[in-house]
Amino acid sequence: MNKAVKLIMTGVLSLSLISVTSAESHAATKAKAFKNCTEMQKKYKGGVSKKAGLKNRTGYDKKGKAIYKETKYKAYVSLAAYKLNTKSDRDKDGIACER
């Protein structure tokens, strides 16, 4: 009976790993590279962020301290989409095409 339990647990673990891997690959295939910010903002009004909680950096003050500003729209969080569109993150704050 002990062998049967181990065999069942191994099967369950294998199936769970397969489903996690397929979910990750599905998210990666869903990401799209956009030609420019106008095209991206048709789908993602606030742009694309590489992780949650990033602030929109608008520049630096005279002492070199970063200045942050709220954006009109919230950015969509997707590392895969951000990686495909890093060229659109001109200020390098981790949010591409923010507005």
N, C-alpha and C. Protein backbone atom coordinates (compact mmCIF):
# COMPACT_ATOMS: atom_id res chain seq x y z
N MET A 1 0.82 -1.20 0.00
CA MET A 1 0.00 0.00 0.00
C MET A 1 0.86 1.26 0.00
N ASN A 2 1.98 1.22 0.67
CA ASN A 2 2.87 2.38 0.73
C ASN A 2 3.40 2.74 -0.66
N LYS A 3 3.71 1.72 -1.49
CA LYS A 3 4.17 1.97 -2.86
C LYS A 3 3.08 2.64 -3.70
N ALA A 4 1.84 2.22 -3.49
CA ALA A 4 0.72 2.78 -4.24
C ALA A 4 0.54 4.26 -3.92
N VAL A 5 0.67 4.63 -2.65
CA VAL A 5 0.53 6.03 -2.24
C VAL A 5 1.65 6.87 -2.85
N LYS A 6 2.87 6.35 -2.82
CA LYS A 6 4.00 7.07 -3.41
C LYS A 6 3.81 7.27 -4.91
N LEU A 7 3.31 6.25 -5.57
CA LEU A 7 3.07 6.32 -7.00
C LEU A 7 2.01 7.37 -7.34
N ILE A 8 0.95 7.41 -6.58
CA ILE A 8 -0.11 8.39 -6.79
C ILE A 8 0.40 9.80 -6.53
N MET A 9 1.15 9.98 -5.47
CA MET A 9 1.69 11.31 -5.14
C MET A 9 2.65 11.79 -6.23
N THR A 10 3.45 10.89 -6.76
CA THR A 10 4.38 11.26 -7.83
C THR A 10 3.60 11.71 -9.07
N GLY A 11 2.54 11.01 -9.40
CA GLY A 11 1.71 11.39 -10.54
C GLY A 11 1.05 12.74 -10.36
N VAL A 12 0.53 13.00 -9.17
CA VAL A 12 -0.11 14.29 -8.88
C VAL A 12 0.90 15.42 -8.99
N LEU A 13 2.09 15.21 -8.44
CA LEU A 13 3.14 16.23 -8.50
C LEU A 13 3.54 16.50 -9.94
N SER A 14 3.68 15.46 -10.74
CA SER A 14 4.05 15.64 -12.15
C SER A 14 3.00 16.44 -12.90
N LEU A 15 1.74 16.15 -12.68
CA LEU A 15 0.66 16.88 -13.36
C LEU A 15 0.63 18.34 -12.94
N SER A 16 0.89 18.62 -11.67
CA SER A 16 0.87 20.01 -11.22
C SER A 16 2.01 20.80 -11.84
N LEU A 17 3.17 20.18 -11.99
CA LEU A 17 4.30 20.87 -12.63
C LEU A 17 4.02 21.14 -14.10
N ILE A 18 3.37 20.23 -14.77
CA ILE A 18 3.02 20.43 -16.18
C ILE A 18 2.05 21.59 -16.34
N SER A 19 1.07 21.71 -15.46
CA SER A 19 0.09 22.79 -15.58
C SER A 19 0.71 24.15 -15.28
N VAL A 20 1.66 24.22 -14.34
CA VAL A 20 2.33 25.49 -14.04
C VAL A 20 3.18 25.91 -15.23
N THR A 21 3.90 24.99 -15.82
CA THR A 21 4.74 25.30 -16.97
C THR A 21 3.91 25.78 -18.15
N SER A 22 2.78 25.14 -18.40
CA SER A 22 1.95 25.55 -19.53
C SER A 22 1.32 26.91 -19.29
N ALA A 23 1.00 27.25 -18.03
CA ALA A 23 0.45 28.57 -17.73
C ALA A 23 1.49 29.66 -17.98
N GLU A 24 2.74 29.38 -17.61
CA GLU A 24 3.81 30.36 -17.84
C GLU A 24 4.06 30.56 -19.33
N SER A 25 4.08 29.48 -20.08
CA SER A 25 4.32 29.60 -21.52
C SER A 25 3.15 30.28 -22.21
N HIS A 26 1.93 30.09 -21.72
CA HIS A 26 0.77 30.77 -22.28
C HIS A 26 0.87 32.27 -22.07
N ALA A 27 1.34 32.70 -20.89
CA ALA A 27 1.50 34.13 -20.63
C ALA A 27 2.57 34.72 -21.54
N ALA A 28 3.63 33.98 -21.78
CA ALA A 28 4.69 34.47 -22.64
C ALA A 28 4.24 34.58 -24.09
N THR A 29 3.40 33.66 -24.56
CA THR A 29 2.93 33.73 -25.93
C THR A 29 1.86 34.80 -26.12
N LYS A 30 1.21 35.20 -25.05
CA LYS A 30 0.18 36.23 -25.11
C LYS A 30 0.79 37.62 -25.29
N ALA A 31 2.02 37.82 -24.83
CA ALA A 31 2.69 39.11 -24.93
C ALA A 31 2.95 39.46 -26.39
N LYS A 32 2.92 40.76 -26.69
CA LYS A 32 3.08 41.22 -28.06
C LYS A 32 4.02 42.42 -28.10
N ALA A 33 4.84 42.48 -29.11
CA ALA A 33 5.71 43.63 -29.34
C ALA A 33 4.92 44.65 -30.17
N PHE A 34 4.90 45.89 -29.72
CA PHE A 34 4.18 46.94 -30.43
C PHE A 34 5.17 47.83 -31.18
N LYS A 35 4.70 48.41 -32.28
CA LYS A 35 5.53 49.28 -33.10
C LYS A 35 5.90 50.57 -32.37
N ASN A 36 4.92 51.14 -31.66
CA ASN A 36 5.14 52.40 -30.95
C ASN A 36 4.14 52.52 -29.80
N CYS A 37 4.23 53.60 -29.05
CA CYS A 37 3.37 53.79 -27.88
C CYS A 37 1.90 53.99 -28.26
N THR A 38 1.65 54.63 -29.37
CA THR A 38 0.27 54.84 -29.80
C THR A 38 -0.42 53.50 -30.03
N GLU A 39 0.28 52.58 -30.65
CA GLU A 39 -0.27 51.24 -30.90
C GLU A 39 -0.48 50.50 -29.57
N MET A 40 0.50 50.59 -28.66
CA MET A 40 0.39 49.90 -27.37
C MET A 40 -0.76 50.47 -26.54
N GLN A 41 -0.94 51.77 -26.56
CA GLN A 41 -1.96 52.39 -25.71
C GLN A 41 -3.38 52.12 -26.20
N LYS A 42 -3.53 51.60 -27.40
CA LYS A 42 -4.85 51.18 -27.84
C LYS A 42 -5.31 49.96 -27.03
N LYS A 43 -4.35 49.10 -26.67
CA LYS A 43 -4.66 47.92 -25.87
C LYS A 43 -4.45 48.16 -24.38
N TYR A 44 -3.34 48.80 -24.01
CA TYR A 44 -3.01 49.07 -22.61
C TYR A 44 -2.91 50.59 -22.42
N LYS A 45 -3.98 51.23 -21.96
CA LYS A 45 -4.01 52.70 -21.86
C LYS A 45 -2.91 53.27 -20.98
N GLY A 46 -2.57 52.56 -19.92
CA GLY A 46 -1.54 53.05 -19.00
C GLY A 46 -0.16 52.54 -19.30
N GLY A 47 0.00 51.85 -20.42
CA GLY A 47 1.29 51.26 -20.76
C GLY A 47 1.47 49.90 -20.10
N VAL A 48 2.72 49.42 -20.10
CA VAL A 48 3.03 48.11 -19.53
C VAL A 48 4.15 48.26 -18.52
N SER A 49 3.95 47.67 -17.35
CA SER A 49 4.93 47.73 -16.26
C SER A 49 5.57 46.36 -16.09
N LYS A 50 6.87 46.34 -15.73
CA LYS A 50 7.53 45.05 -15.56
C LYS A 50 7.22 44.41 -14.21
N LYS A 51 6.79 45.20 -13.22
CA LYS A 51 6.35 44.63 -11.95
C LYS A 51 5.39 45.60 -11.27
N ALA A 52 4.61 45.08 -10.36
CA ALA A 52 3.60 45.89 -9.66
C ALA A 52 4.27 46.88 -8.70
N GLY A 53 3.64 48.00 -8.51
CA GLY A 53 4.10 48.97 -7.51
C GLY A 53 5.14 49.97 -8.00
N LEU A 54 5.47 49.97 -9.27
CA LEU A 54 6.45 50.94 -9.78
C LEU A 54 5.82 52.31 -9.90
N LYS A 55 6.64 53.33 -9.67
CA LYS A 55 6.16 54.71 -9.79
C LYS A 55 6.68 55.31 -11.09
N ASN A 56 5.92 56.25 -11.64
CA ASN A 56 6.29 56.93 -12.87
C ASN A 56 7.30 58.04 -12.56
N ARG A 57 8.54 57.83 -12.98
CA ARG A 57 9.59 58.83 -12.75
C ARG A 57 9.53 59.85 -13.87
N THR A 58 9.37 61.12 -13.51
CA THR A 58 9.26 62.17 -14.52
C THR A 58 10.56 62.94 -14.74
N GLY A 59 11.50 62.77 -13.86
CA GLY A 59 12.77 63.47 -14.00
C GLY A 59 13.50 63.53 -12.67
N TYR A 60 14.44 64.48 -12.57
CA TYR A 60 15.25 64.63 -11.36
C TYR A 60 15.30 66.10 -10.97
N ASP A 61 15.38 66.37 -9.65
CA ASP A 61 15.52 67.75 -9.19
C ASP A 61 16.99 68.17 -9.26
N LYS A 62 17.31 69.37 -8.80
CA LYS A 62 18.67 69.90 -8.88
C LYS A 62 19.67 69.10 -8.07
N LYS A 63 19.20 68.42 -7.02
CA LYS A 63 20.09 67.61 -6.17
C LYS A 63 20.25 66.19 -6.69
N GLY A 64 19.58 65.85 -7.79
CA GLY A 64 19.68 64.52 -8.36
C GLY A 64 18.67 63.52 -7.82
N LYS A 65 17.73 64.00 -7.00
CA LYS A 65 16.70 63.13 -6.45
C LYS A 65 15.57 62.95 -7.48
N ALA A 66 15.11 61.71 -7.63
CA ALA A 66 14.06 61.41 -8.61
C ALA A 66 12.74 62.09 -8.24
N ILE A 67 12.03 62.57 -9.26
CA ILE A 67 10.71 63.17 -9.09
C ILE A 67 9.69 62.20 -9.67
N TYR A 68 8.66 61.88 -8.89
CA TYR A 68 7.63 60.94 -9.33
C TYR A 68 6.30 61.65 -9.49
N LYS A 69 5.48 61.18 -10.43
CA LYS A 69 4.19 61.79 -10.70
C LYS A 69 3.17 60.68 -10.94
N GLU A 70 1.95 60.88 -10.45
CA GLU A 70 0.86 59.92 -10.70
C GLU A 70 0.52 59.94 -12.19
N THR A 71 0.14 58.78 -12.69
CA THR A 71 -0.28 58.71 -14.09
C THR A 71 -1.80 58.70 -14.16
N LYS A 72 -2.33 59.08 -15.31
CA LYS A 72 -3.78 59.12 -15.50
C LYS A 72 -4.38 57.72 -15.49
N TYR A 73 -3.66 56.75 -16.09
CA TYR A 73 -4.14 55.38 -16.18
C TYR A 73 -3.15 54.46 -15.47
N LYS A 74 -3.67 53.36 -14.95
CA LYS A 74 -2.82 52.37 -14.28
C LYS A 74 -2.18 51.48 -15.34
N ALA A 75 -0.89 51.19 -15.17
CA ALA A 75 -0.17 50.35 -16.12
C ALA A 75 -0.52 48.88 -15.94
N TYR A 76 -0.57 48.16 -17.04
CA TYR A 76 -0.79 46.71 -17.04
C TYR A 76 0.53 46.04 -16.65
N VAL A 77 0.50 45.12 -15.70
CA VAL A 77 1.72 44.47 -15.22
C VAL A 77 1.96 43.17 -15.98
N SER A 78 3.07 43.12 -16.72
CA SER A 78 3.45 41.92 -17.47
C SER A 78 4.93 42.01 -17.82
N LEU A 79 5.74 41.17 -17.19
CA LEU A 79 7.17 41.17 -17.47
C LEU A 79 7.44 40.76 -18.92
N ALA A 80 6.70 39.78 -19.42
CA ALA A 80 6.90 39.31 -20.80
C ALA A 80 6.61 40.43 -21.80
N ALA A 81 5.50 41.14 -21.62
CA ALA A 81 5.14 42.24 -22.52
C ALA A 81 6.14 43.39 -22.39
N TYR A 82 6.61 43.65 -21.17
CA TYR A 82 7.59 44.72 -20.97
C TYR A 82 8.90 44.40 -21.70
N LYS A 83 9.36 43.15 -21.57
CA LYS A 83 10.62 42.77 -22.22
C LYS A 83 10.54 42.93 -23.73
N LEU A 84 9.37 42.68 -24.31
CA LEU A 84 9.22 42.84 -25.76
C LEU A 84 9.14 44.30 -26.19
N ASN A 85 8.89 45.20 -25.22
CA ASN A 85 8.70 46.62 -25.54
C ASN A 85 9.61 47.54 -24.73
N THR A 86 10.77 47.07 -24.32
CA THR A 86 11.67 47.91 -23.52
C THR A 86 12.12 49.16 -24.26
N LYS A 87 12.14 49.12 -25.59
CA LYS A 87 12.53 50.29 -26.38
C LYS A 87 11.58 51.47 -26.14
N SER A 88 10.36 51.17 -25.70
CA SER A 88 9.37 52.21 -25.47
C SER A 88 9.44 52.82 -24.08
N ASP A 89 10.34 52.32 -23.23
CA ASP A 89 10.53 52.88 -21.89
C ASP A 89 11.70 53.85 -21.94
N ARG A 90 11.43 55.05 -22.43
CA ARG A 90 12.51 56.03 -22.64
C ARG A 90 13.16 56.51 -21.36
N ASP A 91 12.38 56.64 -20.27
CA ASP A 91 12.95 57.15 -19.02
C ASP A 91 13.49 56.05 -18.12
N LYS A 92 13.40 54.80 -18.55
CA LYS A 92 13.95 53.63 -17.85
C LYS A 92 13.45 53.49 -16.41
N ASP A 93 12.15 53.76 -16.21
CA ASP A 93 11.56 53.62 -14.87
C ASP A 93 10.84 52.29 -14.68
N GLY A 94 10.86 51.42 -15.70
CA GLY A 94 10.21 50.13 -15.60
C GLY A 94 8.78 50.12 -16.12
N ILE A 95 8.32 51.24 -16.68
CA ILE A 95 6.99 51.33 -17.24
C ILE A 95 7.12 51.85 -18.68
N ALA A 96 6.69 51.04 -19.64
CA ALA A 96 6.78 51.44 -21.05
C ALA A 96 5.48 52.15 -21.45
N CYS A 97 5.59 53.28 -22.09
CA CYS A 97 4.46 54.04 -22.66
C CYS A 97 3.44 54.50 -21.62
N GLU A 98 3.90 54.89 -20.45
CA GLU A 98 2.96 55.37 -19.43
C GLU A 98 2.38 56.71 -19.81
N ARG A 99 1.14 56.93 -19.36
CA ARG A 99 0.51 58.25 -19.53
C ARG A 99 -0.49 58.48 -18.44
